[in-house]
Protein backbone atom coordinates (compact mmCIF):
# COMPACT_ATOMS: atom_id res chain seq x y z
CA MET A 1 18.74 117.18 88.36
CA ALA A 2 18.89 116.19 92.02
CA PHE A 3 16.13 117.36 94.34
CA ASN A 4 17.04 119.90 97.00
CA LEU A 5 14.96 121.48 99.75
CA THR A 6 15.78 124.21 102.23
CA SER A 7 13.54 126.12 104.59
CA ASP A 8 13.64 129.13 106.86
CA ILE A 9 11.27 131.45 108.71
CA HIS A 10 11.23 135.18 107.97
CA ASN A 11 8.69 137.66 109.39
CA GLY A 12 6.29 134.86 110.33
CA VAL A 13 6.48 133.27 106.88
CA VAL A 14 7.87 129.79 106.38
CA ARG A 15 9.80 129.80 103.11
CA ILE A 16 10.56 126.44 101.54
CA THR A 17 12.87 126.51 98.54
CA LEU A 18 12.56 123.55 96.17
CA SER A 19 14.87 122.75 93.26
CA GLY A 20 15.30 119.84 90.90
CA GLU A 21 12.47 117.36 90.42
CA LEU A 22 9.68 116.79 92.93
CA ASP A 23 8.56 113.23 92.29
CA ALA A 24 7.49 110.17 94.28
CA SER A 25 11.04 109.40 95.42
CA VAL A 26 11.37 112.75 97.27
CA ALA A 27 7.77 113.78 97.99
CA GLY A 28 8.22 112.48 101.54
CA GLN A 29 10.98 115.03 102.16
CA PHE A 30 8.65 117.83 101.11
CA LYS A 31 5.84 116.42 103.27
CA THR A 32 8.19 116.33 106.30
CA ALA A 33 9.24 119.95 105.69
CA VAL A 34 5.56 120.96 105.58
CA GLU A 35 4.86 119.14 108.84
CA GLN A 36 7.77 120.97 110.48
CA ALA A 37 6.55 124.28 109.04
CA ALA A 38 3.06 123.73 110.45
CA VAL A 39 4.52 123.37 113.96
CA ALA A 40 5.84 126.94 113.66
CA GLN A 41 2.26 128.18 113.13
CA PRO A 42 3.26 130.63 110.37
CA LYS A 43 1.00 133.33 108.98
CA SER A 44 1.75 132.02 105.49
CA LEU A 45 3.82 129.50 103.56
CA ALA A 46 5.91 130.54 100.56
CA LEU A 47 7.11 127.82 98.22
CA LEU A 48 10.02 129.18 96.21
CA VAL A 49 10.08 126.97 93.14
CA SER A 50 11.93 128.89 90.42
CA ASP A 51 14.53 126.10 90.26
CA LEU A 52 11.98 123.27 90.37
CA SER A 53 11.97 121.80 86.87
CA TYR A 54 9.36 119.05 87.34
CA MET A 55 6.48 118.15 89.63
CA SER A 56 4.90 114.70 89.37
CA SER A 57 1.47 113.73 90.62
CA ALA A 58 3.14 112.63 93.86
CA GLY A 59 4.61 116.10 94.18
CA LEU A 60 1.20 117.60 93.58
CA ARG A 61 -0.28 115.34 96.28
CA ALA A 62 2.40 116.66 98.64
CA LEU A 63 1.32 120.20 97.74
CA VAL A 64 -2.32 119.29 98.48
CA PHE A 65 -1.12 117.84 101.80
CA ALA A 66 0.60 121.17 102.52
CA LYS A 67 -2.70 123.00 102.07
CA GLN A 68 -4.52 120.53 104.32
CA LYS A 69 -1.81 120.56 106.99
CA MET A 70 -1.59 124.35 107.12
CA GLY A 71 -5.35 124.80 107.33
CA ALA A 72 -7.72 127.10 105.52
CA SER A 73 -6.54 130.27 107.27
CA ILE A 74 -2.90 129.94 106.11
CA ARG A 75 -2.18 131.29 102.65
CA ILE A 76 0.19 129.30 100.47
CA PHE A 77 2.19 131.14 97.83
CA VAL A 78 3.84 129.34 94.93
CA VAL A 79 6.59 131.70 93.76
CA GLY A 80 8.41 131.62 90.44
CA ALA A 81 7.00 128.40 89.02
CA GLN A 82 8.45 127.35 85.69
CA GLU A 83 5.90 126.75 82.94
CA THR A 84 5.83 122.95 83.34
CA VAL A 85 5.27 123.15 87.10
CA GLN A 86 2.68 125.91 86.73
CA GLU A 87 0.80 123.88 84.11
CA THR A 88 0.70 120.87 86.45
CA ILE A 89 -0.81 122.99 89.21
CA GLU A 90 -3.27 124.74 86.89
CA MET A 91 -4.43 121.57 85.04
CA THR A 92 -5.66 120.09 88.30
CA GLY A 93 -7.38 123.29 89.39
CA PHE A 94 -5.20 123.48 92.48
CA SER A 95 -4.14 126.96 91.37
CA HIS A 96 -7.42 128.13 92.92
CA SER A 97 -6.21 126.96 96.34
CA VAL A 98 -2.85 128.73 96.29
CA VAL A 99 -1.58 132.14 95.23
CA MET A 100 0.68 131.92 92.19
CA LEU A 101 3.30 134.70 91.99
CA GLU A 102 6.05 135.33 89.46
CA SER A 103 8.40 136.71 92.12
CA TYR A 104 8.58 137.07 95.90
CA ASP A 105 6.41 140.02 96.91
CA ALA A 106 7.11 140.69 100.59
CA ALA A 107 4.27 143.21 100.83
CA GLN A 108 1.77 140.53 99.84
CA ILE A 109 3.34 137.43 101.36
CA GLU A 110 4.39 138.91 104.71
CA ALA A 111 1.22 140.99 105.23
């Protein structure tokens, strides 16, 4: 499945929607989107990943970059992760650095 990325800003939250496979060949696209999101100085970053079927170690490194680029005060939400993607994030312990949600909860994300 081809990788696709879209982003928007809603109520001070940058929402990046990822679908397909996040691997080394497209991790740079995700990194660029994060850099652009950081410029907007959002109150949080929501990664909408329900249609992301795979995340490689390069994809995970891009997620770590997102956390570093946004800074400690910006919360990152990973929303709707499929089991394989969630396992990748949890196996590395990075799940302690982001908030994992099953669905988009505006009350929590946009607070």
